[in-house]
ModelCIF file with pLDDT and N, C-alpha, C, O atoms, coordinates in Angstrom:
data_MODEL
#
_entry.id   MODEL 
#
_entity.id                         1 
_entity.type                       polymer 
_entity.pdbx_number_of_molecules   1 
#
_entity_poly.entity_id                      1 
_entity_poly.type                           'polypeptide(L)' 
_entity_poly.nstd_linkage                   no 
_entity_poly.nstd_monomer                   no 
_entity_poly.pdbx_seq_one_letter_code       EEAPGTPLTRTDLAAFGAPAFGAAFTAFGAGSRCRHIIAPGEKAQ 
_entity_poly.pdbx_seq_one_letter_code_can   EEAPGTPLTRTDLAAFGAPAFGAAFTAFGAGSRCRHIIAPGEKAQ 
_entity_poly.pdbx_strand_id                 A 
#
loop_
_entity_poly_seq.entity_id 
_entity_poly_seq.num 
_entity_poly_seq.mon_id 
_entity_poly_seq.hetero 
1 1  GLU n 
1 2  GLU n 
1 3  ALA n 
1 4  PRO n 
1 5  GLY n 
1 6  THR n 
1 7  PRO n 
1 8  LEU n 
1 9  THR n 
1 10 ARG n 
1 11 THR n 
1 12 ASP n 
1 13 LEU n 
1 14 ALA n 
1 15 ALA n 
1 16 PHE n 
1 17 GLY n 
1 18 ALA n 
1 19 PRO n 
1 20 ALA n 
1 21 PHE n 
1 22 GLY n 
1 23 ALA n 
1 24 ALA n 
1 25 PHE n 
1 26 THR n 
1 27 ALA n 
1 28 PHE n 
1 29 GLY n 
1 30 ALA n 
1 31 GLY n 
1 32 SER n 
1 33 ARG n 
1 34 CYS n 
1 35 ARG n 
1 36 HIS n 
1 37 ILE n 
1 38 ILE n 
1 39 ALA n 
1 40 PRO n 
1 41 GLY n 
1 42 GLU n 
1 43 LYS n 
1 44 ALA n 
1 45 GLN n 
#
_struct_asym.id          A 
_struct_asym.entity_id   1 
#
loop_
_ma_qa_metric.id 
_ma_qa_metric.mode 
_ma_qa_metric.name 
_ma_qa_metric.software_group_id 
_ma_qa_metric.type 
1 global pLDDT . pLDDT 
2 local  pLDDT . pLDDT 
#
_ma_qa_metric_global.metric_id      1 
_ma_qa_metric_global.metric_value   76.18 
_ma_qa_metric_global.model_id       1 
_ma_qa_metric_global.ordinal_id     1 
#
loop_
_ma_qa_metric_local.label_asym_id 
_ma_qa_metric_local.label_comp_id 
_ma_qa_metric_local.label_seq_id 
_ma_qa_metric_local.metric_id 
_ma_qa_metric_local.metric_value 
_ma_qa_metric_local.model_id 
_ma_qa_metric_local.ordinal_id 
A GLU 1  2 87.00 1 1  
A GLU 2  2 87.00 1 2  
A ALA 3  2 84.00 1 3  
A PRO 4  2 82.00 1 4  
A GLY 5  2 85.00 1 5  
A THR 6  2 84.00 1 6  
A PRO 7  2 86.00 1 7  
A LEU 8  2 82.00 1 8  
A THR 9  2 81.00 1 9  
A ARG 10 2 77.00 1 10 
A THR 11 2 74.00 1 11 
A ASP 12 2 73.00 1 12 
A LEU 13 2 74.00 1 13 
A ALA 14 2 72.00 1 14 
A ALA 15 2 73.00 1 15 
A PHE 16 2 74.00 1 16 
A GLY 17 2 76.00 1 17 
A ALA 18 2 78.00 1 18 
A PRO 19 2 80.00 1 19 
A ALA 20 2 79.00 1 20 
A PHE 21 2 82.00 1 21 
A GLY 22 2 83.00 1 22 
A ALA 23 2 84.00 1 23 
A ALA 24 2 85.00 1 24 
A PHE 25 2 83.00 1 25 
A THR 26 2 80.00 1 26 
A ALA 27 2 76.00 1 27 
A PHE 28 2 70.00 1 28 
A GLY 29 2 66.00 1 29 
A ALA 30 2 62.00 1 30 
A GLY 31 2 63.00 1 31 
A SER 32 2 63.00 1 32 
A ARG 33 2 65.00 1 33 
A CYS 34 2 66.00 1 34 
A ARG 35 2 67.00 1 35 
A HIS 36 2 68.00 1 36 
A ILE 37 2 75.00 1 37 
A ILE 38 2 75.00 1 38 
A ALA 39 2 74.00 1 39 
A PRO 40 2 78.00 1 40 
A GLY 41 2 82.00 1 41 
A GLU 42 2 79.00 1 42 
A LYS 43 2 77.00 1 43 
A ALA 44 2 69.00 1 44 
A GLN 45 2 68.00 1 45 
#
loop_
_atom_site.group_PDB 
_atom_site.id 
_atom_site.type_symbol 
_atom_site.label_atom_id 
_atom_site.label_alt_id 
_atom_site.label_comp_id 
_atom_site.label_asym_id 
_atom_site.label_entity_id 
_atom_site.label_seq_id 
_atom_site.pdbx_PDB_ins_code 
_atom_site.Cartn_x 
_atom_site.Cartn_y 
_atom_site.Cartn_z 
_atom_site.occupancy 
_atom_site.B_iso_or_equiv 
_atom_site.pdbx_formal_charge 
_atom_site.auth_seq_id 
_atom_site.auth_comp_id 
_atom_site.auth_asym_id 
_atom_site.auth_atom_id 
_atom_site.pdbx_PDB_model_num 
ATOM 1   N N  . GLU A 1 1  ? 0.824  -1.212  0.000   1.00 87.00 ? 1  GLU A N  1 
ATOM 2   C CA . GLU A 1 1  ? 0.000  0.000   0.000   1.00 87.00 ? 1  GLU A CA 1 
ATOM 3   C C  . GLU A 1 1  ? 0.863  1.269   0.000   1.00 87.00 ? 1  GLU A C  1 
ATOM 4   O O  . GLU A 1 1  ? 0.505  2.270   -0.621  1.00 87.00 ? 1  GLU A O  1 
ATOM 5   N N  . GLU A 1 2  ? 1.994  1.217   0.698   1.00 87.00 ? 2  GLU A N  1 
ATOM 6   C CA . GLU A 1 2  ? 2.851  2.402   0.781   1.00 87.00 ? 2  GLU A CA 1 
ATOM 7   C C  . GLU A 1 2  ? 3.765  2.544   -0.427  1.00 87.00 ? 2  GLU A C  1 
ATOM 8   O O  . GLU A 1 2  ? 4.281  3.632   -0.680  1.00 87.00 ? 2  GLU A O  1 
ATOM 9   N N  . ALA A 1 3  ? 3.972  1.483   -1.168  1.00 84.00 ? 3  ALA A N  1 
ATOM 10  C CA . ALA A 1 3  ? 4.801  1.522   -2.380  1.00 84.00 ? 3  ALA A CA 1 
ATOM 11  C C  . ALA A 1 3  ? 4.043  0.817   -3.504  1.00 84.00 ? 3  ALA A C  1 
ATOM 12  O O  . ALA A 1 3  ? 4.445  -0.258  -3.949  1.00 84.00 ? 3  ALA A O  1 
ATOM 13  N N  . PRO A 1 4  ? 2.936  1.430   -3.964  1.00 82.00 ? 4  PRO A N  1 
ATOM 14  C CA . PRO A 1 4  ? 2.124  0.776   -4.992  1.00 82.00 ? 4  PRO A CA 1 
ATOM 15  C C  . PRO A 1 4  ? 2.953  0.472   -6.239  1.00 82.00 ? 4  PRO A C  1 
ATOM 16  O O  . PRO A 1 4  ? 3.865  1.213   -6.605  1.00 82.00 ? 4  PRO A O  1 
ATOM 17  N N  . GLY A 1 5  ? 2.605  -0.625  -6.865  1.00 85.00 ? 5  GLY A N  1 
ATOM 18  C CA . GLY A 1 5  ? 3.324  -1.048  -8.065  1.00 85.00 ? 5  GLY A CA 1 
ATOM 19  C C  . GLY A 1 5  ? 4.521  -1.928  -7.770  1.00 85.00 ? 5  GLY A C  1 
ATOM 20  O O  . GLY A 1 5  ? 5.203  -2.377  -8.691  1.00 85.00 ? 5  GLY A O  1 
ATOM 21  N N  . THR A 1 6  ? 4.785  -2.181  -6.491  1.00 84.00 ? 6  THR A N  1 
ATOM 22  C CA . THR A 1 6  ? 5.900  -3.047  -6.128  1.00 84.00 ? 6  THR A CA 1 
ATOM 23  C C  . THR A 1 6  ? 5.525  -4.502  -6.408  1.00 84.00 ? 6  THR A C  1 
ATOM 24  O O  . THR A 1 6  ? 4.477  -4.968  -5.960  1.00 84.00 ? 6  THR A O  1 
ATOM 25  N N  . PRO A 1 7  ? 6.369  -5.217  -7.140  1.00 86.00 ? 7  PRO A N  1 
ATOM 26  C CA . PRO A 1 7  ? 6.108  -6.651  -7.324  1.00 86.00 ? 7  PRO A CA 1 
ATOM 27  C C  . PRO A 1 7  ? 6.377  -7.415  -6.027  1.00 86.00 ? 7  PRO A C  1 
ATOM 28  O O  . PRO A 1 7  ? 7.239  -7.027  -5.239  1.00 86.00 ? 7  PRO A O  1 
ATOM 29  N N  . LEU A 1 8  ? 5.656  -8.473  -5.818  1.00 82.00 ? 8  LEU A N  1 
ATOM 30  C CA . LEU A 1 8  ? 5.807  -9.298  -4.626  1.00 82.00 ? 8  LEU A CA 1 
ATOM 31  C C  . LEU A 1 8  ? 6.044  -10.729 -5.094  1.00 82.00 ? 8  LEU A C  1 
ATOM 32  O O  . LEU A 1 8  ? 5.161  -11.339 -5.697  1.00 82.00 ? 8  LEU A O  1 
ATOM 33  N N  . THR A 1 9  ? 7.218  -11.260 -4.821  1.00 81.00 ? 9  THR A N  1 
ATOM 34  C CA . THR A 1 9  ? 7.535  -12.615 -5.272  1.00 81.00 ? 9  THR A CA 1 
ATOM 35  C C  . THR A 1 9  ? 7.934  -13.491 -4.090  1.00 81.00 ? 9  THR A C  1 
ATOM 36  O O  . THR A 1 9  ? 8.299  -12.997 -3.024  1.00 81.00 ? 9  THR A O  1 
ATOM 37  N N  . ARG A 1 10 ? 7.856  -14.786 -4.302  1.00 77.00 ? 10 ARG A N  1 
ATOM 38  C CA . ARG A 1 10 ? 8.189  -15.769 -3.264  1.00 77.00 ? 10 ARG A CA 1 
ATOM 39  C C  . ARG A 1 10 ? 7.488  -15.456 -1.954  1.00 77.00 ? 10 ARG A C  1 
ATOM 40  O O  . ARG A 1 10 ? 8.125  -15.363 -0.904  1.00 77.00 ? 10 ARG A O  1 
ATOM 41  N N  . THR A 1 11 ? 6.197  -15.298 -2.020  1.00 74.00 ? 11 THR A N  1 
ATOM 42  C CA . THR A 1 11 ? 5.426  -14.899 -0.851  1.00 74.00 ? 11 THR A CA 1 
ATOM 43  C C  . THR A 1 11 ? 4.373  -15.920 -0.462  1.00 74.00 ? 11 THR A C  1 
ATOM 44  O O  . THR A 1 11 ? 3.389  -15.585 0.198   1.00 74.00 ? 11 THR A O  1 
ATOM 45  N N  . ASP A 1 12 ? 4.576  -17.156 -0.868  1.00 73.00 ? 12 ASP A N  1 
ATOM 46  C CA . ASP A 1 12 ? 3.626  -18.208 -0.544  1.00 73.00 ? 12 ASP A CA 1 
ATOM 47  C C  . ASP A 1 12 ? 2.253  -17.797 -1.066  1.00 73.00 ? 12 ASP A C  1 
ATOM 48  O O  . ASP A 1 12 ? 2.175  -17.130 -2.098  1.00 73.00 ? 12 ASP A O  1 
ATOM 49  N N  . LEU A 1 13 ? 1.204  -18.160 -0.413  1.00 74.00 ? 13 LEU A N  1 
ATOM 50  C CA . LEU A 1 13 ? -0.140 -17.878 -0.921  1.00 74.00 ? 13 LEU A CA 1 
ATOM 51  C C  . LEU A 1 13 ? -0.551 -16.417 -0.763  1.00 74.00 ? 13 LEU A C  1 
ATOM 52  O O  . LEU A 1 13 ? -1.620 -16.027 -1.232  1.00 74.00 ? 13 LEU A O  1 
ATOM 53  N N  . ALA A 1 14 ? 0.284  -15.597 -0.108  1.00 72.00 ? 14 ALA A N  1 
ATOM 54  C CA . ALA A 1 14 ? 0.011  -14.157 -0.042  1.00 72.00 ? 14 ALA A CA 1 
ATOM 55  C C  . ALA A 1 14 ? 0.036  -13.553 -1.441  1.00 72.00 ? 14 ALA A C  1 
ATOM 56  O O  . ALA A 1 14 ? -0.497 -12.464 -1.654  1.00 72.00 ? 14 ALA A O  1 
ATOM 57  N N  . ALA A 1 15 ? 0.638  -14.234 -2.378  1.00 73.00 ? 15 ALA A N  1 
ATOM 58  C CA . ALA A 1 15 ? 0.695  -13.758 -3.756  1.00 73.00 ? 15 ALA A CA 1 
ATOM 59  C C  . ALA A 1 15 ? -0.693 -13.554 -4.345  1.00 73.00 ? 15 ALA A C  1 
ATOM 60  O O  . ALA A 1 15 ? -0.857 -12.744 -5.257  1.00 73.00 ? 15 ALA A O  1 
ATOM 61  N N  . PHE A 1 16 ? -1.691 -14.267 -3.849  1.00 74.00 ? 16 PHE A N  1 
ATOM 62  C CA . PHE A 1 16 ? -3.034 -14.143 -4.407  1.00 74.00 ? 16 PHE A CA 1 
ATOM 63  C C  . PHE A 1 16 ? -3.749 -12.879 -3.954  1.00 74.00 ? 16 PHE A C  1 
ATOM 64  O O  . PHE A 1 16 ? -4.592 -12.364 -4.688  1.00 74.00 ? 16 PHE A O  1 
ATOM 65  N N  . GLY A 1 17 ? -3.445 -12.371 -2.786  1.00 76.00 ? 17 GLY A N  1 
ATOM 66  C CA . GLY A 1 17 ? -4.124 -11.180 -2.307  1.00 76.00 ? 17 GLY A CA 1 
ATOM 67  C C  . GLY A 1 17 ? -3.396 -9.887  -2.627  1.00 76.00 ? 17 GLY A C  1 
ATOM 68  O O  . GLY A 1 17 ? -4.015 -8.823  -2.644  1.00 76.00 ? 17 GLY A O  1 
ATOM 69  N N  . ALA A 1 18 ? -2.103 -9.951  -2.878  1.00 78.00 ? 18 ALA A N  1 
ATOM 70  C CA . ALA A 1 18 ? -1.288 -8.746  -3.051  1.00 78.00 ? 18 ALA A CA 1 
ATOM 71  C C  . ALA A 1 18 ? -1.747 -7.829  -4.185  1.00 78.00 ? 18 ALA A C  1 
ATOM 72  O O  . ALA A 1 18 ? -1.718 -6.611  -4.003  1.00 78.00 ? 18 ALA A O  1 
ATOM 73  N N  . PRO A 1 19 ? -2.168 -8.342  -5.344  1.00 80.00 ? 19 PRO A N  1 
ATOM 74  C CA . PRO A 1 19 ? -2.610 -7.419  -6.405  1.00 80.00 ? 19 PRO A CA 1 
ATOM 75  C C  . PRO A 1 19 ? -3.797 -6.539  -5.983  1.00 80.00 ? 19 PRO A C  1 
ATOM 76  O O  . PRO A 1 19 ? -3.935 -5.415  -6.465  1.00 80.00 ? 19 PRO A O  1 
ATOM 77  N N  . ALA A 1 20 ? -4.629 -7.036  -5.108  1.00 79.00 ? 20 ALA A N  1 
ATOM 78  C CA . ALA A 1 20 ? -5.773 -6.250  -4.648  1.00 79.00 ? 20 ALA A CA 1 
ATOM 79  C C  . ALA A 1 20 ? -5.335 -5.021  -3.857  1.00 79.00 ? 20 ALA A C  1 
ATOM 80  O O  . ALA A 1 20 ? -6.091 -4.057  -3.736  1.00 79.00 ? 20 ALA A O  1 
ATOM 81  N N  . PHE A 1 21 ? -4.116 -5.055  -3.319  1.00 82.00 ? 21 PHE A N  1 
ATOM 82  C CA . PHE A 1 21 ? -3.617 -3.937  -2.524  1.00 82.00 ? 21 PHE A CA 1 
ATOM 83  C C  . PHE A 1 21 ? -2.588 -3.104  -3.268  1.00 82.00 ? 21 PHE A C  1 
ATOM 84  O O  . PHE A 1 21 ? -1.981 -2.206  -2.684  1.00 82.00 ? 21 PHE A O  1 
ATOM 85  N N  . GLY A 1 22 ? -2.379 -3.393  -4.570  1.00 83.00 ? 22 GLY A N  1 
ATOM 86  C CA . GLY A 1 22 ? -1.516 -2.544  -5.374  1.00 83.00 ? 22 GLY A CA 1 
ATOM 87  C C  . GLY A 1 22 ? -0.244 -3.164  -5.900  1.00 83.00 ? 22 GLY A C  1 
ATOM 88  O O  . GLY A 1 22 ? 0.537  -2.470  -6.551  1.00 83.00 ? 22 GLY A O  1 
ATOM 89  N N  . ALA A 1 23 ? 0.001  -4.433  -5.651  1.00 84.00 ? 23 ALA A N  1 
ATOM 90  C CA . ALA A 1 23 ? 1.215  -5.056  -6.192  1.00 84.00 ? 23 ALA A CA 1 
ATOM 91  C C  . ALA A 1 23 ? 1.136  -5.088  -7.719  1.00 84.00 ? 23 ALA A C  1 
ATOM 92  O O  . ALA A 1 23 ? 0.086  -5.390  -8.287  1.00 84.00 ? 23 ALA A O  1 
ATOM 93  N N  . ALA A 1 24 ? 2.251  -4.776  -8.375  1.00 85.00 ? 24 ALA A N  1 
ATOM 94  C CA . ALA A 1 24 ? 2.289  -4.782  -9.843  1.00 85.00 ? 24 ALA A CA 1 
ATOM 95  C C  . ALA A 1 24 ? 2.061  -6.194  -10.366 1.00 85.00 ? 24 ALA A C  1 
ATOM 96  O O  . ALA A 1 24 ? 1.325  -6.394  -11.332 1.00 85.00 ? 24 ALA A O  1 
ATOM 97  N N  . PHE A 1 25 ? 2.686  -7.159  -9.731  1.00 83.00 ? 25 PHE A N  1 
ATOM 98  C CA . PHE A 1 25 ? 2.493  -8.563  -10.048 1.00 83.00 ? 25 PHE A CA 1 
ATOM 99  C C  . PHE A 1 25 ? 3.008  -9.382  -8.887  1.00 83.00 ? 25 PHE A C  1 
ATOM 100 O O  . PHE A 1 25 ? 3.721  -8.870  -8.023  1.00 83.00 ? 25 PHE A O  1 
ATOM 101 N N  . THR A 1 26 ? 2.651  -10.645 -8.866  1.00 80.00 ? 26 THR A N  1 
ATOM 102 C CA . THR A 1 26 ? 3.132  -11.550 -7.830  1.00 80.00 ? 26 THR A CA 1 
ATOM 103 C C  . THR A 1 26 ? 3.569  -12.851 -8.473  1.00 80.00 ? 26 THR A C  1 
ATOM 104 O O  . THR A 1 26 ? 3.153  -13.184 -9.583  1.00 80.00 ? 26 THR A O  1 
ATOM 105 N N  . ALA A 1 27 ? 4.403  -13.572 -7.767  1.00 76.00 ? 27 ALA A N  1 
ATOM 106 C CA . ALA A 1 27 ? 4.847  -14.881 -8.237  1.00 76.00 ? 27 ALA A CA 1 
ATOM 107 C C  . ALA A 1 27 ? 5.348  -15.683 -7.050  1.00 76.00 ? 27 ALA A C  1 
ATOM 108 O O  . ALA A 1 27 ? 5.891  -15.132 -6.092  1.00 76.00 ? 27 ALA A O  1 
ATOM 109 N N  . PHE A 1 28 ? 5.160  -16.965 -7.128  1.00 70.00 ? 28 PHE A N  1 
ATOM 110 C CA . PHE A 1 28 ? 5.746  -17.852 -6.127  1.00 70.00 ? 28 PHE A CA 1 
ATOM 111 C C  . PHE A 1 28 ? 5.844  -19.233 -6.735  1.00 70.00 ? 28 PHE A C  1 
ATOM 112 O O  . PHE A 1 28 ? 5.138  -19.540 -7.695  1.00 70.00 ? 28 PHE A O  1 
ATOM 113 N N  . GLY A 1 29 ? 6.684  -20.045 -6.206  1.00 66.00 ? 29 GLY A N  1 
ATOM 114 C CA . GLY A 1 29 ? 6.879  -21.383 -6.740  1.00 66.00 ? 29 GLY A CA 1 
ATOM 115 C C  . GLY A 1 29 ? 5.952  -22.389 -6.100  1.00 66.00 ? 29 GLY A C  1 
ATOM 116 O O  . GLY A 1 29 ? 5.501  -22.215 -4.968  1.00 66.00 ? 29 GLY A O  1 
ATOM 117 N N  . ALA A 1 30 ? 5.677  -23.435 -6.839  1.00 62.00 ? 30 ALA A N  1 
ATOM 118 C CA . ALA A 1 30 ? 4.832  -24.495 -6.303  1.00 62.00 ? 30 ALA A CA 1 
ATOM 119 C C  . ALA A 1 30 ? 5.594  -25.332 -5.284  1.00 62.00 ? 30 ALA A C  1 
ATOM 120 O O  . ALA A 1 30 ? 4.974  -25.946 -4.416  1.00 62.00 ? 30 ALA A O  1 
ATOM 121 N N  . GLY A 1 31 ? 6.915  -25.372 -5.365  1.00 63.00 ? 31 GLY A N  1 
ATOM 122 C CA . GLY A 1 31 ? 7.723  -26.122 -4.407  1.00 63.00 ? 31 GLY A CA 1 
ATOM 123 C C  . GLY A 1 31 ? 8.066  -25.269 -3.196  1.00 63.00 ? 31 GLY A C  1 
ATOM 124 O O  . GLY A 1 31 ? 8.162  -24.046 -3.299  1.00 63.00 ? 31 GLY A O  1 
ATOM 125 N N  . SER A 1 32 ? 8.249  -25.911 -2.054  1.00 63.00 ? 32 SER A N  1 
ATOM 126 C CA . SER A 1 32 ? 8.495  -25.158 -0.818  1.00 63.00 ? 32 SER A CA 1 
ATOM 127 C C  . SER A 1 32 ? 9.768  -24.324 -0.905  1.00 63.00 ? 32 SER A C  1 
ATOM 128 O O  . SER A 1 32 ? 9.845  -23.275 -0.266  1.00 63.00 ? 32 SER A O  1 
ATOM 129 N N  . ARG A 1 33 ? 10.765 -24.752 -1.670  1.00 65.00 ? 33 ARG A N  1 
ATOM 130 C CA . ARG A 1 33 ? 12.005 -23.977 -1.792  1.00 65.00 ? 33 ARG A CA 1 
ATOM 131 C C  . ARG A 1 33 ? 11.810 -22.670 -2.543  1.00 65.00 ? 33 ARG A C  1 
ATOM 132 O O  . ARG A 1 33 ? 12.646 -21.771 -2.450  1.00 65.00 ? 33 ARG A O  1 
ATOM 133 N N  . CYS A 1 34 ? 10.726 -22.555 -3.279  1.00 66.00 ? 34 CYS A N  1 
ATOM 134 C CA . CYS A 1 34 ? 10.482 -21.350 -4.085  1.00 66.00 ? 34 CYS A CA 1 
ATOM 135 C C  . CYS A 1 34 ? 9.356  -20.491 -3.542  1.00 66.00 ? 34 CYS A C  1 
ATOM 136 O O  . CYS A 1 34 ? 8.940  -19.539 -4.202  1.00 66.00 ? 34 CYS A O  1 
ATOM 137 N N  . ARG A 1 35 ? 8.850  -20.804 -2.353  1.00 67.00 ? 35 ARG A N  1 
ATOM 138 C CA . ARG A 1 35 ? 7.765  -20.004 -1.799  1.00 67.00 ? 35 ARG A CA 1 
ATOM 139 C C  . ARG A 1 35 ? 8.244  -18.905 -0.862  1.00 67.00 ? 35 ARG A C  1 
ATOM 140 O O  . ARG A 1 35 ? 7.454  -18.045 -0.473  1.00 67.00 ? 35 ARG A O  1 
ATOM 141 N N  . HIS A 1 36 ? 9.506  -18.915 -0.496  1.00 68.00 ? 36 HIS A N  1 
ATOM 142 C CA . HIS A 1 36 ? 10.113 -17.834 0.283   1.00 68.00 ? 36 HIS A CA 1 
ATOM 143 C C  . HIS A 1 36 ? 11.617 -17.964 0.162   1.00 68.00 ? 36 HIS A C  1 
ATOM 144 O O  . HIS A 1 36 ? 12.119 -18.967 -0.343  1.00 68.00 ? 36 HIS A O  1 
ATOM 145 N N  . ILE A 1 37 ? 12.338 -16.952 0.625   1.00 75.00 ? 37 ILE A N  1 
ATOM 146 C CA . ILE A 1 37 ? 13.794 -16.986 0.527   1.00 75.00 ? 37 ILE A CA 1 
ATOM 147 C C  . ILE A 1 37 ? 14.403 -17.177 1.912   1.00 75.00 ? 37 ILE A C  1 
ATOM 148 O O  . ILE A 1 37 ? 13.775 -16.910 2.936   1.00 75.00 ? 37 ILE A O  1 
ATOM 149 N N  . ILE A 1 38 ? 15.618 -17.639 1.907   1.00 75.00 ? 38 ILE A N  1 
ATOM 150 C CA . ILE A 1 38 ? 16.407 -17.780 3.133   1.00 75.00 ? 38 ILE A CA 1 
ATOM 151 C C  . ILE A 1 38 ? 17.506 -16.723 3.068   1.00 75.00 ? 38 ILE A C  1 
ATOM 152 O O  . ILE A 1 38 ? 18.076 -16.493 2.001   1.00 75.00 ? 38 ILE A O  1 
ATOM 153 N N  . ALA A 1 39 ? 17.805 -16.089 4.174   1.00 74.00 ? 39 ALA A N  1 
ATOM 154 C CA . ALA A 1 39 ? 18.830 -15.046 4.207   1.00 74.00 ? 39 ALA A CA 1 
ATOM 155 C C  . ALA A 1 39 ? 20.158 -15.599 3.690   1.00 74.00 ? 39 ALA A C  1 
ATOM 156 O O  . ALA A 1 39 ? 20.492 -16.756 3.949   1.00 74.00 ? 39 ALA A O  1 
ATOM 157 N N  . PRO A 1 40 ? 20.919 -14.773 2.957   1.00 78.00 ? 40 PRO A N  1 
ATOM 158 C CA . PRO A 1 40 ? 22.221 -15.227 2.451   1.00 78.00 ? 40 PRO A CA 1 
ATOM 159 C C  . PRO A 1 40 ? 23.097 -15.754 3.582   1.00 78.00 ? 40 PRO A C  1 
ATOM 160 O O  . PRO A 1 40 ? 23.189 -15.145 4.648   1.00 78.00 ? 40 PRO A O  1 
ATOM 161 N N  . GLY A 1 41 ? 23.727 -16.875 3.338   1.00 82.00 ? 41 GLY A N  1 
ATOM 162 C CA . GLY A 1 41 ? 24.605 -17.488 4.331   1.00 82.00 ? 41 GLY A CA 1 
ATOM 163 C C  . GLY A 1 41 ? 23.916 -18.453 5.276   1.00 82.00 ? 41 GLY A C  1 
ATOM 164 O O  . GLY A 1 41 ? 24.584 -19.218 5.971   1.00 82.00 ? 41 GLY A O  1 
ATOM 165 N N  . GLU A 1 42 ? 22.586 -18.431 5.317   1.00 79.00 ? 42 GLU A N  1 
ATOM 166 C CA . GLU A 1 42 ? 21.853 -19.357 6.184   1.00 79.00 ? 42 GLU A CA 1 
ATOM 167 C C  . GLU A 1 42 ? 21.521 -20.631 5.425   1.00 79.00 ? 42 GLU A C  1 
ATOM 168 O O  . GLU A 1 42 ? 21.319 -20.611 4.211   1.00 79.00 ? 42 GLU A O  1 
ATOM 169 N N  . LYS A 1 43 ? 21.469 -21.727 6.144   1.00 77.00 ? 43 LYS A N  1 
ATOM 170 C CA . LYS A 1 43 ? 21.031 -22.993 5.577   1.00 77.00 ? 43 LYS A CA 1 
ATOM 171 C C  . LYS A 1 43 ? 19.550 -23.167 5.917   1.00 77.00 ? 43 LYS A C  1 
ATOM 172 O O  . LYS A 1 43 ? 19.128 -22.887 7.039   1.00 77.00 ? 43 LYS A O  1 
ATOM 173 N N  . ALA A 1 44 ? 18.773 -23.626 4.952   1.00 69.00 ? 44 ALA A N  1 
ATOM 174 C CA . ALA A 1 44 ? 17.344 -23.819 5.190   1.00 69.00 ? 44 ALA A CA 1 
ATOM 175 C C  . ALA A 1 44 ? 17.116 -24.801 6.332   1.00 69.00 ? 44 ALA A C  1 
ATOM 176 O O  . ALA A 1 44 ? 17.698 -25.886 6.356   1.00 69.00 ? 44 ALA A O  1 
ATOM 177 N N  . GLN A 1 45 ? 16.267 -24.413 7.274   1.00 68.00 ? 45 GLN A N  1 
ATOM 178 C CA . GLN A 1 45 ? 15.927 -25.279 8.399   1.00 68.00 ? 45 GLN A CA 1 
ATOM 179 C C  . GLN A 1 45 ? 14.662 -26.051 8.081   1.00 68.00 ? 45 GLN A C  1 
ATOM 180 O O  . GLN A 1 45 ? 14.200 -26.843 8.903   1.00 68.00 ? 45 GLN A O  1 
#
C-alpha cells in the first residue's frame, strides 16, 4: 500500500491477495524452496 506497483515474489499464498492492494504482479513457486527466501549465508531449516 505504501509503495504501490511493487512486485511481490516468493510470498507463498500471499501472492493471491497482493494485487488487490496494489502489487504490480506476484509470483511464487509451487515447491516449498520457491515459496520464500532464506537469508544469504543461512542454511534452510
